[in-house]
Amino acid sequence: MAPAGGKQARVYRFNEYGGPEKLQLKEEEVPYPSAGHVRVRVEAMSLNNADSLFLANQYLEPPALPSKIGYEIAGTVDAIGEGVKQFSVGDRVSAIPAFSVAEYANFAELTVLPERALMHTPRNLDKIQAASFTFAYFTNYYGLFDLGQLKPFQTVLITAASSTTGLAAISMVRAAGSTVIATSRSSAKADALKKAGANYVIATAEEDLVERVHAITGGKGVDIAYDCIAGPMSEAIVNCVRQFGHWVVYGAMDSSPVPFPVLQLMVKTVKLDTFMVFDFTGHPGLNIPANDQALARAMEYVSRGIESGALPIVVDKVFEGLEGLPDALRRQQKGTGTGKIVVEL
């Protein structure tokens, strides 16, 4: 049977760089998927910092104007291209971080993605949750287990722990049988972090980070510092890590130029790893080859953890309707919430 043609759908695009005010909702034809691709009817989309950075042309890869936008979505398979084996029409799917946002972007009523950029949605998730878990949990899987070598009975320092990735990391560390020391700039989010599973919370603008960590660990320091801040905090973070411990950096919320703490790293033999999730899942636009074994390991771990209830999904706010995306981005940019911001279609 010959494949059906394209379908009309509303798609977000932007013609110039900037903030949410630059987004335009346009009616377009979304084509039938080519070989190895899947067309998805989007039911929910959640926001990541990468979305705002991409819109402002401050991300890893430049947008080609007029550009689409959006990484993380969930929905139902609408059509499959030749050779697709993992999915059938009607399957519930969630996007995973294994594609170029400059080539494929998803904030639309219909989108087309490569087969390897999707996974079957865990059975116990509704559509809001289905759009809200893959980027944080996949990132943490590689950072904590592959690089940090997380094991039971360890202590892990998680910076900016109220972020969606930080909250997911708290759950993963606790599920592994280890202790979490979470940081936040102020004590305002301390209760939320403890509710999410943090054993201890340090307000870095109100307390001495190194003193508190050493008091908590009996002077030994943490086994892993899982860090998305870097910047001027780097020296303090290294001083929180035990001898032969790990400092895993997956972001640079503070990109201020600072002296690199090489002496502290050498004296304590701290292993430093910097990474992006795409280093494991692959990114054609950045010439990073795919690692299908790493992708399969993460997918199995995340699916099992979510279906067992060990890995919860925290949602901050849901915006109704595709038209709610600009307001959702504005809320995300304020950084006042705790958990995922989602747009429900």
Protein backbone atom coordinates (compact mmCIF):
# COMPACT_ATOMS: atom_id res chain seq x y z
CA MET A 1 0.00 0.00 0.00
CA ALA A 2 1.36 3.41 -0.92
CA PRO A 3 1.97 5.70 2.05
CA ALA A 4 -0.41 8.54 2.76
CA GLY A 5 0.80 12.08 2.18
CA GLY A 6 1.48 14.88 4.59
CA LYS A 7 -0.92 16.27 7.16
CA GLN A 8 -1.64 19.85 8.12
CA ALA A 9 -0.65 20.81 11.65
CA ARG A 10 0.24 23.87 13.70
CA VAL A 11 3.99 24.21 14.22
CA TYR A 12 6.04 26.70 16.24
CA ARG A 13 8.76 28.61 14.38
CA PHE A 14 10.88 31.70 14.96
CA ASN A 15 12.32 34.02 12.33
CA GLU A 16 14.75 35.89 14.59
CA TYR A 17 16.63 35.13 17.76
CA GLY A 18 15.37 36.28 21.15
CA GLY A 19 12.81 35.37 23.78
CA PRO A 20 9.34 33.77 23.77
CA GLU A 21 7.88 36.81 22.00
CA LYS A 22 9.70 35.69 18.83
CA LEU A 23 7.70 32.47 18.55
CA GLN A 24 5.06 32.19 15.83
CA LEU A 25 2.46 29.46 15.47
CA LYS A 26 2.06 28.50 11.81
CA GLU A 27 -0.05 26.03 9.85
CA GLU A 28 2.25 23.70 7.86
CA GLU A 29 2.23 20.36 6.14
CA VAL A 30 4.08 17.74 8.17
CA PRO A 31 5.30 15.10 5.70
CA TYR A 32 4.84 11.36 5.80
CA PRO A 33 7.91 9.91 7.55
CA SER A 34 10.80 8.78 5.39
CA ALA A 35 12.63 5.49 5.94
CA GLY A 36 13.65 4.97 9.56
CA HIS A 37 11.45 7.82 10.80
CA VAL A 38 8.24 8.07 12.82
CA ARG A 39 5.51 10.71 12.75
CA VAL A 40 4.08 11.48 16.19
CA ARG A 41 0.88 13.25 17.13
CA VAL A 42 2.09 15.34 20.06
CA GLU A 43 0.00 15.27 23.24
CA ALA A 44 2.32 17.09 25.64
CA MET A 45 5.67 18.89 25.58
CA SER A 46 7.97 19.85 28.44
CA LEU A 47 10.61 22.54 28.62
CA ASN A 48 14.36 22.36 29.07
CA ASN A 49 16.90 25.17 29.39
CA ALA A 50 18.11 24.13 25.95
CA ASP A 51 14.87 25.41 24.42
CA SER A 52 15.42 28.99 25.62
CA LEU A 53 19.10 28.85 24.70
CA PHE A 54 18.29 27.59 21.21
CA LEU A 55 15.70 30.32 20.71
CA ALA A 56 18.32 32.93 21.69
CA ASN A 57 21.04 31.34 19.47
CA GLN A 58 23.13 30.49 22.54
CA TYR A 59 22.95 26.71 22.29
CA LEU A 60 25.35 24.02 21.03
CA GLU A 61 24.17 24.35 17.44
CA PRO A 62 22.81 27.43 15.64
CA PRO A 63 19.20 27.51 14.45
CA ALA A 64 18.64 27.80 10.70
CA LEU A 65 16.03 30.53 10.39
CA PRO A 66 13.12 30.22 10.15
CA SER A 67 13.62 27.51 12.75
CA LYS A 68 11.38 25.16 14.65
CA ILE A 69 11.94 24.63 18.38
CA GLY A 70 11.59 21.99 21.05
CA TYR A 71 13.15 18.79 22.35
CA GLU A 72 11.01 16.85 24.80
CA ILE A 73 7.57 15.60 23.75
CA ALA A 74 5.23 12.66 24.20
CA GLY A 75 2.40 11.47 22.02
CA THR A 76 1.05 8.70 19.82
CA VAL A 77 2.57 7.23 16.68
CA ASP A 78 0.65 8.57 13.69
CA ALA A 79 2.66 6.97 10.86
CA ILE A 80 5.86 5.00 10.38
CA GLY A 81 8.39 5.09 7.57
CA GLU A 82 9.88 2.14 5.74
CA GLY A 83 12.07 -0.09 7.90
CA VAL A 84 10.76 1.05 11.27
CA LYS A 85 10.64 -2.02 13.52
CA GLN A 86 10.19 -0.84 17.10
CA PHE A 87 6.92 1.06 16.73
CA SER A 88 3.46 0.68 15.27
CA VAL A 89 0.72 3.21 14.62
CA GLY A 90 -1.08 3.94 17.89
CA ASP A 91 1.91 3.26 20.17
CA ARG A 92 2.54 5.76 22.97
CA VAL A 93 6.04 7.21 22.69
CA SER A 94 8.35 9.71 24.39
CA ALA A 95 11.24 11.56 22.74
CA ILE A 96 14.73 10.82 24.08
CA PRO A 97 17.86 13.01 23.77
CA ALA A 98 19.38 11.37 20.71
CA PHE A 99 18.84 13.88 17.89
CA SER A 100 19.75 17.34 16.67
CA VAL A 101 17.22 20.04 17.58
CA ALA A 102 18.43 22.06 14.59
CA GLU A 103 17.35 19.22 12.30
CA TYR A 104 14.37 17.87 14.23
CA ALA A 105 12.29 20.06 16.53
CA ASN A 106 9.08 19.00 18.15
CA PHE A 107 6.90 21.77 19.54
CA ALA A 108 3.98 21.23 17.17
CA GLU A 109 0.80 19.22 16.80
CA LEU A 110 2.65 16.71 14.60
CA THR A 111 6.37 16.00 14.41
CA VAL A 112 8.70 13.56 12.66
CA LEU A 113 11.67 11.98 14.48
CA PRO A 114 14.19 9.22 13.78
CA GLU A 115 13.17 5.86 15.20
CA ARG A 116 16.15 5.83 17.61
CA ALA A 117 15.04 9.18 19.08
CA LEU A 118 11.91 7.62 20.59
CA MET A 119 11.10 5.09 23.28
CA HIS A 120 7.91 3.37 24.35
CA THR A 121 6.31 5.41 27.12
CA PRO A 122 6.27 3.52 30.45
CA ARG A 123 2.79 2.11 30.97
CA ASN A 124 2.07 3.87 34.26
CA LEU A 125 2.57 7.42 32.98
CA ASP A 126 -0.08 9.89 31.85
CA LYS A 127 0.70 12.18 28.94
CA ILE A 128 2.01 14.99 31.17
CA GLN A 129 4.50 12.69 32.87
CA ALA A 130 5.33 10.99 29.57
CA ALA A 131 6.75 14.26 28.24
CA SER A 132 8.72 15.03 31.39
CA PHE A 133 11.28 12.35 32.21
CA THR A 134 13.67 11.33 29.47
CA PHE A 135 16.16 14.20 29.29
CA ALA A 136 16.76 14.45 33.03
CA TYR A 137 16.92 10.73 33.74
CA PHE A 138 19.05 9.84 30.71
CA THR A 139 21.52 12.62 31.53
CA ASN A 140 21.78 11.48 35.14
CA TYR A 141 22.18 7.83 34.23
CA TYR A 142 25.39 8.52 32.32
CA GLY A 143 26.68 11.15 34.74
CA LEU A 144 26.07 9.23 37.95
CA PHE A 145 26.66 5.63 36.89
CA ASP A 146 28.94 5.64 33.85
CA LEU A 147 31.14 8.54 34.98
CA GLY A 148 30.57 8.95 38.73
CA GLN A 149 30.55 5.18 39.34
CA LEU A 150 27.69 5.53 41.84
CA LYS A 151 27.38 2.64 44.31
CA PRO A 152 25.31 1.97 47.44
CA PHE A 153 26.28 3.64 50.74
CA GLN A 154 28.00 6.60 49.10
CA THR A 155 27.37 10.32 49.60
CA VAL A 156 26.60 12.55 46.63
CA LEU A 157 26.57 16.35 46.50
CA ILE A 158 24.03 17.64 43.95
CA THR A 159 24.27 21.33 43.04
CA ALA A 160 21.24 23.36 41.89
CA ALA A 161 19.20 20.42 43.09
CA SER A 162 15.81 22.05 42.53
CA SER A 163 16.30 21.90 38.75
CA THR A 164 14.48 19.11 36.93
CA THR A 165 17.75 17.25 36.42
CA GLY A 166 18.70 17.82 40.05
CA LEU A 167 15.39 16.46 41.32
CA ALA A 168 15.75 13.39 39.14
CA ALA A 169 19.31 12.92 40.41
CA ILE A 170 18.07 12.97 44.01
CA SER A 171 15.69 10.10 43.23
CA MET A 172 18.37 8.09 41.44
CA VAL A 173 20.93 8.45 44.21
CA ARG A 174 18.39 7.48 46.87
CA ALA A 175 17.20 4.53 44.75
CA ALA A 176 20.84 3.38 44.58
CA GLY A 177 20.99 3.30 48.38
CA SER A 178 23.15 6.39 48.85
CA THR A 179 22.91 9.72 50.69
CA VAL A 180 22.09 13.05 49.04
CA ILE A 181 23.41 16.46 50.02
CA ALA A 182 21.43 18.94 47.91
CA THR A 183 22.33 22.58 47.35
CA SER A 184 20.21 25.60 46.55
CA ARG A 185 21.08 29.28 46.66
CA SER A 186 18.62 29.99 49.47
CA SER A 187 16.71 27.96 52.04
CA ALA A 188 13.39 28.77 50.33
CA LYS A 189 13.37 25.43 48.49
CA ALA A 190 14.72 23.34 51.37
CA ASP A 191 11.37 21.74 52.20
CA ALA A 192 10.73 20.84 48.55
CA LEU A 193 14.17 19.28 48.26
CA LYS A 194 13.71 17.23 51.42
CA LYS A 195 10.32 16.11 50.17
CA ALA A 196 12.03 15.02 46.94
CA GLY A 197 14.35 12.81 48.99
CA ALA A 198 17.40 14.92 49.88
CA ASN A 199 18.92 13.87 53.21
CA TYR A 200 20.55 17.26 53.73
CA VAL A 201 20.08 20.69 52.13
CA ILE A 202 22.72 23.44 52.06
CA ALA A 203 21.77 27.02 51.13
CA THR A 204 24.99 28.19 49.50
CA ALA A 205 24.19 31.91 49.85
CA GLU A 206 23.55 31.48 53.57
CA GLU A 207 26.00 28.78 54.67
CA ASP A 208 29.61 27.76 54.06
CA LEU A 209 29.37 24.87 51.60
CA VAL A 210 32.67 23.20 52.45
CA GLU A 211 32.18 23.45 56.22
CA ARG A 212 28.69 21.96 56.04
CA VAL A 213 29.73 19.11 53.74
CA HIS A 214 32.66 18.16 55.97
CA ALA A 215 30.44 18.35 59.06
CA ILE A 216 27.91 16.03 57.43
CA THR A 217 30.53 13.55 56.19
CA GLY A 218 32.70 13.53 59.27
CA GLY A 219 35.49 15.33 57.44
CA LYS A 220 35.76 12.75 54.65
CA GLY A 221 33.98 14.65 51.88
CA VAL A 222 31.52 13.32 49.31
CA ASP A 223 32.14 10.45 46.91
CA ILE A 224 30.62 12.33 43.97
CA ALA A 225 29.98 16.02 43.34
CA TYR A 226 27.33 16.15 40.62
CA ASP A 227 27.52 19.70 39.37
CA CYS A 228 25.72 21.88 36.84
CA ILE A 229 27.06 25.25 38.07
CA ALA A 230 30.89 25.31 37.83
CA GLY A 231 32.10 28.94 37.78
CA PRO A 232 33.36 30.51 41.02
CA MET A 233 31.97 27.58 43.05
CA SER A 234 34.39 25.15 41.41
CA GLU A 235 37.14 25.37 44.01
CA ALA A 236 34.69 24.93 46.87
CA ILE A 237 33.08 21.95 45.16
CA VAL A 238 36.44 20.22 44.69
CA ASN A 239 37.18 20.84 48.36
CA CYS A 240 33.96 18.98 49.19
CA VAL A 241 35.08 15.81 47.39
CA ARG A 242 36.94 13.02 49.17
CA GLN A 243 40.29 11.59 48.14
CA PHE A 244 39.91 9.67 44.85
CA GLY A 245 36.35 10.97 44.51
CA HIS A 246 34.53 12.21 41.41
CA TRP A 247 33.57 15.70 40.24
CA VAL A 248 31.07 15.27 37.39
CA VAL A 249 30.12 18.48 35.57
CA TYR A 250 27.12 18.39 33.23
CA GLY A 251 26.39 22.12 32.95
CA ALA A 252 27.80 25.60 33.45
CA MET A 253 25.03 27.76 34.85
CA ASP A 254 27.75 30.19 35.89
CA SER A 255 30.16 30.53 32.98
CA SER A 256 32.26 33.25 34.62
CA PRO A 257 35.98 32.76 33.91
CA VAL A 258 37.71 31.53 37.07
CA PRO A 259 41.07 29.93 37.90
CA PHE A 260 40.92 26.19 37.33
CA PRO A 261 41.39 24.33 40.67
CA VAL A 262 44.09 22.06 39.28
CA LEU A 263 46.12 21.95 42.50
CA GLN A 264 43.16 20.78 44.58
CA LEU A 265 42.36 18.13 41.98
CA MET A 266 45.94 16.86 42.00
CA VAL A 267 46.37 16.85 45.78
CA LYS A 268 43.15 14.86 46.31
CA THR A 269 43.36 12.84 43.07
CA VAL A 270 39.80 13.89 42.25
CA LYS A 271 38.62 12.62 38.87
CA LEU A 272 36.96 15.34 36.79
CA ASP A 273 34.48 14.42 34.05
CA THR A 274 32.62 16.95 31.93
CA PHE A 275 29.97 15.65 29.59
CA MET A 276 26.75 16.11 27.64
CA VAL A 277 24.07 13.47 27.34
CA PHE A 278 24.81 13.41 23.59
CA ASP A 279 28.29 12.05 24.31
CA PHE A 280 26.50 8.77 25.00
CA THR A 281 23.31 8.94 22.91
CA GLY A 282 24.92 10.51 19.83
CA HIS A 283 24.41 13.77 17.96
CA PRO A 284 24.92 13.86 14.16
CA GLY A 285 24.93 17.66 14.09
CA LEU A 286 27.92 17.73 16.44
CA ASN A 287 29.62 14.73 14.79
CA ILE A 288 29.18 12.62 17.93
CA PRO A 289 28.63 8.96 16.99
CA ALA A 290 25.77 7.04 18.53
CA ASN A 291 26.41 4.46 21.22
CA ASP A 292 23.46 2.09 20.89
CA GLN A 293 24.54 -0.04 23.85
CA ALA A 294 24.66 3.01 26.14
CA LEU A 295 21.26 4.11 24.85
CA ALA A 296 19.74 0.68 25.50
CA ARG A 297 21.20 0.53 29.04
CA ALA A 298 19.79 3.90 29.96
CA MET A 299 16.42 3.10 28.44
CA GLU A 300 16.12 -0.14 30.41
CA TYR A 301 17.18 1.48 33.69
CA VAL A 302 14.84 4.47 33.32
CA SER A 303 11.84 2.40 32.19
CA ARG A 304 12.28 -0.08 35.03
CA GLY A 305 12.72 2.66 37.61
CA ILE A 306 9.68 4.61 36.50
CA GLU A 307 7.42 1.57 36.27
CA SER A 308 8.50 0.45 39.76
CA GLY A 309 7.88 3.91 41.22
CA ALA A 310 11.52 4.36 42.27
CA LEU A 311 12.00 7.27 39.86
CA PRO A 312 9.21 9.83 40.29
CA ILE A 313 8.42 12.72 37.96
CA VAL A 314 7.96 16.15 39.52
CA VAL A 315 5.80 18.61 37.57
CA ASP A 316 5.77 22.28 38.50
CA LYS A 317 3.00 23.64 36.27
CA VAL A 318 0.91 22.61 33.26
CA PHE A 319 -0.12 25.12 30.58
CA GLU A 320 -3.19 24.21 28.56
CA GLY A 321 -3.11 24.35 24.77
CA LEU A 322 -0.36 24.82 22.23
CA GLU A 323 -0.80 28.59 22.52
CA GLY A 324 0.49 28.40 26.09
CA LEU A 325 4.11 27.73 25.06
CA PRO A 326 5.36 31.37 25.23
CA ASP A 327 3.98 31.80 28.76
CA ALA A 328 5.45 28.43 29.76
CA LEU A 329 8.89 29.55 28.51
CA ARG A 330 8.59 32.79 30.49
CA ARG A 331 7.87 30.84 33.66
CA GLN A 332 10.81 28.55 33.03
CA GLN A 333 13.16 31.49 32.50
CA LYS A 334 12.18 32.95 35.89
CA GLY A 335 13.51 29.81 37.57
CA THR A 336 11.14 30.08 40.53
CA GLY A 337 9.46 26.69 40.23
CA THR A 338 10.46 23.20 41.28
CA GLY A 339 9.90 20.53 38.65
CA LYS A 340 8.94 20.29 35.01
CA ILE A 341 6.94 22.91 33.13
CA VAL A 342 4.63 21.22 30.62
CA VAL A 343 2.35 22.31 27.78
CA GLU A 344 -0.61 19.98 27.27
CA LEU A 345 -2.24 19.79 23.86
